[in-house]
Protein backbone atom coordinates (compact mmCIF):
# COMPACT_ATOMS: atom_id res chain seq x y z
CA MET A 1 -28.66 59.95 -81.42
CA LYS A 2 -31.36 62.60 -81.90
CA ILE A 3 -33.28 62.86 -78.63
CA LEU A 4 -36.42 64.69 -77.54
CA PHE A 5 -36.42 65.51 -73.84
CA LEU A 6 -40.11 65.88 -73.00
CA ILE A 7 -41.42 67.70 -69.96
CA TYR A 8 -45.02 68.74 -69.37
CA HIS A 9 -44.29 72.12 -67.82
CA GLY A 10 -41.92 75.05 -68.30
CA PHE A 11 -38.68 76.10 -66.72
CA SER A 12 -38.30 78.48 -63.80
CA GLU A 13 -35.04 80.36 -63.36
CA HIS A 14 -34.81 79.56 -59.65
CA SER A 15 -36.43 76.11 -59.55
CA GLY A 16 -34.30 73.22 -58.34
CA ILE A 17 -36.27 70.88 -60.62
CA SER A 18 -35.56 73.11 -63.63
CA LYS A 19 -31.86 73.16 -62.81
CA LYS A 20 -31.83 69.38 -62.50
CA ILE A 21 -33.44 68.96 -65.92
CA HIS A 22 -30.95 71.36 -67.51
CA TYR A 23 -28.11 69.32 -65.97
CA GLN A 24 -29.61 66.09 -67.33
CA ILE A 25 -29.84 67.60 -70.81
CA LYS A 26 -26.26 68.80 -70.53
CA GLY A 27 -25.22 65.30 -69.46
CA LEU A 28 -26.85 63.80 -72.55
CA ARG A 29 -25.15 66.34 -74.80
CA GLU A 30 -21.78 65.66 -73.15
CA ASN A 31 -22.31 62.04 -74.16
CA GLY A 32 -22.45 63.15 -77.79
CA HIS A 33 -26.21 63.29 -78.40
CA GLU A 34 -28.31 65.92 -80.17
CA VAL A 35 -30.96 66.92 -77.64
CA HIS A 36 -34.07 69.05 -78.23
CA VAL A 37 -36.44 70.02 -75.44
CA CYS A 38 -40.24 70.11 -75.45
CA THR A 39 -41.84 72.34 -72.82
CA TYR A 40 -45.23 73.84 -72.00
CA TYR A 41 -45.65 77.47 -70.98
CA ILE A 42 -48.27 80.07 -70.17
CA ARG A 43 -47.14 83.21 -71.98
CA GLU A 44 -47.59 86.75 -70.70
CA ASP A 45 -50.64 87.16 -72.96
CA GLY A 46 -52.26 84.16 -71.23
CA HIS A 47 -51.85 81.79 -74.17
CA ARG A 48 -50.81 78.25 -73.35
CA VAL A 49 -48.17 76.99 -75.77
CA ARG A 50 -46.16 73.84 -76.34
CA MET A 51 -42.62 74.69 -77.41
CA ILE A 52 -39.67 72.94 -79.02
CA ASP A 53 -36.50 74.46 -77.62
CA ASP A 54 -36.93 78.22 -77.24
CA ASP A 55 -37.89 79.13 -80.78
CA ILE A 56 -40.57 76.81 -82.16
CA VAL A 57 -44.19 77.19 -81.04
CA LEU A 58 -45.40 73.70 -81.82
CA GLN A 59 -48.96 74.33 -80.64
CA ASP A 60 -50.85 77.36 -79.32
CA PHE A 61 -53.81 76.17 -77.27
CA GLY A 62 -55.19 79.66 -76.73
CA SER A 63 -56.20 80.93 -73.30
CA GLY A 64 -58.77 80.20 -70.67
CA ARG A 65 -60.13 77.07 -69.04
CA TRP A 66 -60.71 75.16 -72.29
CA ALA A 67 -57.10 75.75 -73.36
CA ALA A 68 -55.90 74.43 -70.01
CA MET A 69 -57.96 71.28 -70.50
CA LYS A 70 -57.00 70.85 -74.16
CA GLN A 71 -53.24 70.84 -73.51
CA ARG A 72 -53.64 67.83 -71.22
CA PHE A 73 -55.08 65.67 -74.00
CA SER A 74 -53.78 67.12 -77.26
CA PHE A 75 -50.50 65.51 -78.36
CA ARG A 76 -51.06 64.75 -82.06
CA LYS A 77 -48.91 67.66 -83.29
CA LEU A 78 -46.11 66.69 -80.94
CA THR A 79 -46.32 63.06 -82.01
CA ASP A 80 -46.23 64.00 -85.69
CA TYR A 81 -43.30 66.36 -85.10
CA VAL A 82 -41.21 63.64 -83.44
CA ILE A 83 -41.94 61.10 -86.18
CA GLU A 84 -41.49 63.49 -89.12
CA ASN A 85 -38.26 65.04 -87.83
CA GLY A 86 -36.27 61.88 -87.39
CA PHE A 87 -36.06 61.66 -83.61
CA GLU A 88 -34.54 58.39 -82.47
CA PHE A 89 -35.36 58.44 -78.75
CA VAL A 90 -37.77 60.18 -76.35
CA TYR A 91 -36.88 60.83 -72.71
CA ALA A 92 -40.05 61.88 -70.86
CA ARG A 93 -40.33 63.15 -67.32
CA SER A 94 -43.51 61.89 -65.64
CA PHE A 95 -46.00 64.52 -64.53
CA HIS A 96 -48.38 61.91 -63.08
CA ASN A 97 -50.34 62.39 -66.29
CA ALA A 98 -51.07 58.94 -67.69
CA ASN A 99 -54.29 59.22 -69.69
CA PRO A 100 -55.62 57.95 -73.05
CA ALA A 101 -53.83 60.72 -74.95
CA THR A 102 -50.37 60.13 -73.50
CA VAL A 103 -50.79 56.37 -73.95
CA ARG A 104 -51.74 56.93 -77.59
CA MET A 105 -48.72 59.19 -78.20
CA PHE A 106 -46.15 56.74 -76.86
CA LYS A 107 -47.89 53.85 -78.59
CA ARG A 108 -47.36 55.65 -81.92
CA PHE A 109 -43.71 56.28 -81.07
CA LYS A 110 -43.27 52.59 -80.38
CA ALA A 111 -45.01 51.63 -83.63
CA HIS A 112 -42.57 53.83 -85.55
CA GLY A 113 -39.54 52.27 -83.87
CA ILE A 114 -38.80 55.25 -81.61
CA PRO A 115 -37.94 53.94 -78.14
CA SER A 116 -39.02 55.93 -75.07
CA VAL A 117 -38.31 55.93 -71.38
CA MET A 118 -40.23 57.70 -68.63
CA GLU A 119 -38.49 59.10 -65.59
CA ILE A 120 -40.50 58.96 -62.37
CA PRO A 121 -38.76 61.45 -60.06
CA THR A 122 -40.23 60.04 -56.82
CA TYR A 123 -41.85 56.66 -56.33
CA PRO A 124 -44.28 55.78 -54.92
CA TYR A 125 -46.04 59.12 -55.25
CA ASP A 126 -49.76 58.56 -54.50
CA GLN A 127 -49.23 59.68 -50.90
CA GLU A 128 -48.20 63.11 -52.16
CA TYR A 129 -51.88 63.66 -52.94
CA ALA A 130 -53.08 62.62 -49.48
CA GLY A 131 -55.46 65.16 -48.04
CA THR A 132 -55.80 67.18 -51.26
CA THR A 133 -59.08 69.03 -51.60
CA SER A 134 -58.51 70.01 -55.22
CA LEU A 135 -60.97 68.33 -57.59
CA GLU A 136 -58.45 68.82 -60.40
CA ASN A 137 -55.77 66.89 -58.50
CA LYS A 138 -58.21 64.14 -57.57
CA ILE A 139 -59.22 63.65 -61.21
CA LYS A 140 -55.58 63.78 -62.31
CA LEU A 141 -54.59 61.04 -59.87
CA MET A 142 -57.64 58.93 -60.73
CA LEU A 143 -56.76 59.03 -64.44
CA ASP A 144 -53.12 58.29 -63.69
CA LYS A 145 -54.07 55.23 -61.66
CA LEU A 146 -56.31 53.98 -64.47
CA TYR A 147 -53.75 54.38 -67.25
CA ARG A 148 -50.28 54.25 -65.66
CA LYS A 149 -49.68 50.59 -66.47
CA LYS A 150 -50.84 51.06 -70.05
CA LEU A 151 -48.49 54.02 -70.40
CA ALA A 152 -45.58 52.14 -68.85
CA ALA A 153 -46.16 49.29 -71.30
CA GLN A 154 -45.28 51.59 -74.19
CA MET A 155 -41.86 52.38 -72.72
CA GLU A 156 -38.55 50.59 -73.06
CA ALA A 157 -38.11 51.12 -69.33
CA ILE A 158 -38.91 53.37 -66.38
CA VAL A 159 -36.04 55.52 -65.11
CA THR A 160 -36.08 55.55 -61.32
CA PHE A 161 -34.00 56.87 -58.45
CA THR A 162 -35.06 53.91 -56.30
CA ASN A 163 -33.84 50.32 -56.31
CA ASP A 164 -37.13 48.95 -57.66
CA LYS A 165 -36.62 46.38 -60.40
CA GLU A 166 -40.10 46.92 -61.78
CA ILE A 167 -42.57 49.83 -61.65
CA PHE A 168 -46.11 49.65 -63.04
CA GLY A 169 -45.24 46.30 -64.61
CA GLN A 170 -42.29 47.72 -66.55
CA ARG A 171 -38.58 47.04 -66.01
CA THR A 172 -36.51 49.87 -64.62
CA ILE A 173 -33.21 51.66 -65.16
CA CYS A 174 -31.95 52.52 -61.68
CA ILE A 175 -29.81 55.65 -61.58
CA SER A 176 -28.89 58.24 -58.98
CA ASN A 177 -29.70 61.90 -58.93
CA GLY A 178 -26.57 63.48 -60.29
CA ILE A 179 -24.40 66.52 -59.80
CA ASP A 180 -23.15 69.12 -62.23
CA TYR A 181 -19.86 70.14 -60.68
CA ASP A 182 -19.61 73.22 -62.90
CA HIS A 183 -22.53 74.81 -61.07
CA ILE A 184 -22.02 73.69 -57.45
CA PRO A 185 -18.99 75.24 -55.71
CA ILE A 186 -17.26 73.55 -52.82
CA GLN A 187 -17.83 75.17 -49.44
CA GLN A 188 -15.47 78.01 -48.50
CA LYS A 189 -15.99 77.84 -44.75
CA LEU A 190 -16.55 81.17 -43.03
CA PRO A 191 -15.38 81.63 -39.44
CA HIS A 192 -17.89 82.20 -36.64
CA PRO A 193 -17.70 82.26 -32.83
CA ASP A 194 -16.70 78.92 -31.28
CA ASN A 195 -19.90 78.71 -29.27
CA GLU A 196 -22.09 78.86 -32.40
CA VAL A 197 -23.23 75.99 -34.61
CA HIS A 198 -25.10 76.67 -37.84
CA LEU A 199 -27.37 74.03 -39.41
CA ILE A 200 -28.84 74.53 -42.88
CA GLY A 201 -31.78 72.98 -44.71
CA VAL A 202 -32.40 73.98 -48.32
CA ALA A 203 -35.68 72.97 -49.95
CA GLU A 204 -39.05 74.06 -51.20
CA VAL A 205 -40.35 72.74 -47.92
CA HIS A 206 -42.93 69.94 -47.85
CA TYR A 207 -44.08 67.68 -45.04
CA TRP A 208 -41.75 64.90 -46.19
CA HIS A 209 -38.73 67.08 -45.44
CA GLY A 210 -39.62 66.66 -41.76
CA TYR A 211 -38.04 69.92 -40.62
CA ASP A 212 -40.53 69.95 -37.75
CA ARG A 213 -38.49 67.09 -36.25
CA LEU A 214 -35.36 69.24 -36.19
CA ILE A 215 -37.23 72.25 -34.80
CA ALA A 216 -38.75 70.10 -32.03
CA GLY A 217 -35.31 68.65 -31.29
CA LEU A 218 -33.85 72.13 -31.16
CA GLY A 219 -36.58 73.12 -28.71
CA GLU A 220 -35.75 70.17 -26.46
CA TYR A 221 -32.06 71.02 -26.70
CA TYR A 222 -32.67 74.51 -25.35
CA GLN A 223 -34.76 73.15 -22.46
CA LYS A 224 -31.60 71.64 -20.97
CA PRO A 225 -28.17 73.02 -20.04
CA HIS A 226 -26.15 73.56 -23.22
CA ASP A 227 -22.84 75.05 -24.25
CA LYS A 228 -23.53 75.85 -27.92
CA GLU A 229 -25.84 78.32 -29.60
CA VAL A 230 -27.37 76.20 -32.36
CA TYR A 231 -29.11 77.96 -35.27
CA PHE A 232 -31.25 76.32 -37.94
CA HIS A 233 -31.32 78.20 -41.26
CA ILE A 234 -34.24 77.22 -43.50
CA VAL A 235 -33.61 78.32 -47.07
CA GLY A 236 -36.51 78.06 -49.51
CA GLY A 237 -40.24 78.57 -49.64
CA VAL A 238 -42.35 77.32 -46.75
CA ALA A 239 -46.06 76.71 -47.36
CA ASP A 240 -48.67 77.67 -44.77
CA SER A 241 -49.42 73.97 -44.29
CA GLU A 242 -45.88 73.50 -42.94
CA MET A 243 -45.70 76.77 -41.05
CA TYR A 244 -49.04 76.40 -39.30
CA GLY A 245 -49.61 72.66 -39.27
CA SER A 246 -51.19 69.91 -41.35
CA GLU A 247 -52.44 66.36 -40.91
CA HIS A 248 -48.83 65.19 -41.16
CA ALA A 249 -47.09 67.25 -38.48
CA LYS A 250 -47.28 70.20 -36.14
CA GLY A 251 -46.53 73.51 -37.77
CA PHE A 252 -43.17 75.23 -37.42
CA HIS A 253 -44.82 78.30 -35.89
CA GLU A 254 -46.44 76.30 -33.09
CA LEU A 255 -43.21 74.49 -32.22
CA ILE A 256 -41.10 77.64 -32.30
CA GLN A 257 -43.52 79.44 -29.99
CA LYS A 258 -43.86 76.45 -27.68
CA TYR A 259 -40.13 76.36 -27.01
CA GLY A 260 -39.45 80.07 -27.39
CA ILE A 261 -36.72 79.54 -29.99
CA GLU A 262 -37.66 82.31 -32.43
CA LYS A 263 -34.05 83.51 -32.36
CA TYR A 264 -32.66 80.15 -33.41
CA VAL A 265 -34.87 79.20 -36.37
CA ILE A 266 -34.22 81.58 -39.24
CA PHE A 267 -36.35 81.64 -42.39
CA HIS A 268 -34.39 83.08 -45.29
CA GLY A 269 -36.87 82.38 -48.07
CA PRO A 270 -35.58 81.33 -51.50
CA LYS A 271 -31.93 82.23 -52.09
CA PHE A 272 -29.80 81.74 -55.17
CA GLY A 273 -26.33 82.37 -56.51
CA ASN A 274 -23.90 84.18 -54.24
CA GLU A 275 -26.48 84.61 -51.47
CA LEU A 276 -27.06 80.86 -51.32
CA ASP A 277 -23.33 80.16 -51.46
CA GLU A 278 -22.74 82.47 -48.49
CA LEU A 279 -25.35 80.64 -46.41
CA PHE A 280 -23.74 77.31 -47.27
CA ASN A 281 -20.33 78.75 -46.42
CA GLN A 282 -21.36 79.50 -42.83
CA ALA A 283 -22.96 76.07 -42.30
CA ASP A 284 -21.41 73.43 -40.06
CA PHE A 285 -23.91 70.72 -40.95
CA ALA A 286 -26.82 70.22 -43.35
CA ILE A 287 -30.32 68.76 -42.93
CA GLY A 288 -31.64 66.34 -45.53
CA SER A 289 -35.11 64.80 -45.61
CA LEU A 290 -36.33 63.63 -42.21
CA GLY A 291 -39.87 62.57 -43.12
CA ARG A 292 -39.91 60.59 -46.34
CA HIS A 293 -41.73 57.82 -44.49
CA ARG A 294 -44.72 60.17 -44.34
CA SER A 295 -45.14 59.82 -48.11
CA GLY A 296 -44.54 56.07 -48.09
CA ILE A 297 -40.96 56.25 -49.37
CA THR A 298 -38.18 54.21 -47.80
CA HIS A 299 -35.54 54.18 -50.58
CA ILE A 300 -34.70 57.31 -52.56
CA LYS A 301 -31.65 59.08 -53.96
CA THR A 302 -32.43 62.73 -53.41
CA LEU A 303 -30.82 65.58 -55.26
CA LYS A 304 -30.33 67.52 -52.03
CA ASN A 305 -28.10 64.87 -50.42
CA ARG A 306 -25.88 65.05 -53.47
CA GLU A 307 -25.73 68.83 -53.44
CA TYR A 308 -24.69 68.83 -49.78
CA ALA A 309 -21.96 66.28 -50.55
CA ALA A 310 -20.80 68.19 -53.63
CA ARG A 311 -20.39 71.29 -51.49
CA GLY A 312 -18.45 69.23 -48.96
CA ILE A 313 -20.91 69.56 -46.06
CA PRO A 314 -21.83 66.62 -43.78
CA PHE A 315 -25.54 65.95 -43.40
CA VAL A 316 -28.33 63.90 -41.82
CA TYR A 317 -31.27 62.04 -43.40
CA SER A 318 -33.76 59.31 -42.47
CA GLU A 319 -34.46 57.40 -45.70
CA THR A 320 -32.26 54.76 -47.31
CA ASP A 321 -29.92 56.25 -49.89
CA GLU A 322 -27.60 53.57 -51.25
CA ASP A 323 -24.93 56.06 -52.31
CA PHE A 324 -24.39 57.37 -48.78
CA GLU A 325 -25.26 54.61 -46.32
CA GLN A 326 -21.63 53.88 -45.40
CA MET A 327 -20.21 57.38 -45.75
CA PRO A 328 -18.41 58.70 -42.65
CA TYR A 329 -19.85 62.20 -43.06
CA VAL A 330 -23.50 61.11 -42.81
CA ILE A 331 -25.74 60.67 -39.77
CA LYS A 332 -28.67 58.30 -40.27
CA ILE A 333 -31.66 58.78 -37.98
CA ALA A 334 -34.82 56.74 -37.50
CA ALA A 335 -37.61 57.07 -40.06
CA ASP A 336 -40.24 58.13 -37.53
CA ASP A 337 -41.67 61.39 -36.18
CA SER A 338 -39.54 61.70 -33.05
CA PRO A 339 -37.61 64.94 -32.39
CA ILE A 340 -34.01 64.94 -33.61
CA ASN A 341 -31.40 64.67 -30.87
CA VAL A 342 -29.30 67.77 -31.53
CA GLN A 343 -26.55 66.48 -29.24
CA VAL A 344 -25.87 63.67 -31.74
CA ILE A 345 -25.16 66.27 -34.43
CA LEU A 346 -22.96 68.28 -32.08
CA ALA A 347 -21.01 65.16 -31.12
CA TYR A 348 -20.39 64.42 -34.79
CA ILE A 349 -19.18 67.98 -35.46
CA ARG A 350 -16.78 67.82 -32.50
CA SER A 351 -15.28 64.50 -33.54
CA SER A 352 -15.30 64.61 -37.34
CA ILE A 353 -12.02 64.67 -39.22
CA VAL A 354 -13.53 64.47 -42.73
CA ASN A 355 -12.88 67.62 -44.73
CA SER A 356 -14.90 69.24 -47.51
CA ILE A 357 -12.60 68.14 -50.32
CA ASP A 358 -12.78 64.48 -49.27
CA ILE A 359 -16.57 64.64 -49.12
CA ARG A 360 -16.79 66.09 -52.63
CA ILE A 361 -14.31 63.59 -54.07
CA SER A 362 -16.34 60.70 -52.62
CA ILE A 363 -19.16 61.30 -55.13
CA ASN A 364 -17.14 61.74 -58.32
CA SER A 365 -19.13 58.90 -59.92
CA LEU A 366 -22.41 60.78 -59.42
CA SER A 367 -22.04 63.31 -62.23
CA TRP A 368 -25.05 63.74 -64.55
CA ASN A 369 -22.74 62.79 -67.40
CA GLU A 370 -22.28 59.34 -65.83
CA GLN A 371 -25.91 58.90 -64.79
CA MET A 372 -27.36 59.76 -68.20
CA ARG A 373 -24.81 57.48 -69.84
CA LYS A 374 -26.40 54.58 -67.92
CA VAL A 375 -29.74 55.35 -69.56
CA MET A 376 -28.29 55.58 -73.04
CA ASP A 377 -26.18 52.44 -72.60
CA TYR A 378 -29.39 50.61 -71.79
CA ILE A 379 -31.05 51.91 -74.97
CA TYR A 380 -28.04 51.13 -77.16
CA CYS A 381 -27.73 47.61 -75.76
CA ARG A 382 -31.40 46.70 -75.59
C-alpha cells in the first residue's frame, strides 16, 4: 500500500517526538508498505516550505508573518499531490489544527476513496493550553474545538494511545506507544558505591511529568535519618515555568533551596547517544510521569515507560498504563500532588530480583512493527 505519513512540522535530530515518528514509519515499511513523508520546515533563508520526503518542495509559502498564516490554511497542492500520485492511505499526526482547510482536505481524500486516520498523541489535550497567554495558541485551540468533530468525521478512525472507544464522535484504533529495539540498548549497569542510589528522569520537562513531587519527596527523605545517598538525575530541557514555579506546582528551584538538596538534584540538560546511555547505565531506578492528572489524563501509554522497560530499568508512574499495571518491576503511586515517598523506591530496589533482560523481554509485543500492523490490519479489514 502506498502511504503518505503527514505531519505538520519538521524533524529535529534530538527530538523524542521526531524519533518516535521515524520508528513508526520504519514499522510501516517493515510491514511491506511504501511510505512517503510530508513535513513542514522553516529553511535557513526564512522560507516556509512543505516537503515530500527530503527532495520535493511541494509548496514554498515564502517568509514572514503572512507565510506563517498561509501554511496553516493552504493544503490544495498537498491534496492534489496525494490524489494525482496514487496514494492509497493517509496517516496524519494531529497538531491540534482542525480548521476549515484541514476538514476540506480530508473530505476530498474521502471522496476519492483514499482512507485516512488521525493519530492523537495525547488525549484529552485541552488542559495543555491551560494558563496560556499566547493569542496564537488561544485562536488555535478555539478553531480546533469548533472543527475537531468535523475533521474526525472524515477519518476511518482515530489512532489513540488511550483505551477510549470513541474520540470526537469517531471510532478509535487503540495501540500502544512502541519500541524500536534497534535503537534502544539494554542497560549495561555501571558499579557505584553501595551507599548511593541513582534515580533518572528523562523528558522535555512539563508540569505533567510531576518531577516536583520527587524533588519534594527527596527533600523530606533528607530531613530524616537515612542510610543512602539518593541522587535524582534530570535529563532533558527544563522550562522556566518548571524551574521557578507555575500555577500547577512549586518550582524545582524553590523546593531544592527549601530542603538544601542542591547536591542531590542534578540537571544534565538534553543528552543523546553515548552520553545518554551512560546516564542510563548508572541508574538504579527511573521516574515516569507523576502528574498526568494535572492535564486531565488518567489513562495513557507513554513512550517513556516503554523506553525505560526496553532498557531494562524499573520505574514509577502515577497514571494508568494497561501494558504495565501488573508488572513486577513497576511502582504505582497515587495520582495526586503529594511528595513521593523515597523509602518506597529504596525498599523496592533492596528487594527486587527482576533483572534487566527479563524486563526487556516482557515488552516484546510492543515493537513499532506490531503496533503499526494493528492500524493497517484495521484499514485492510474495514
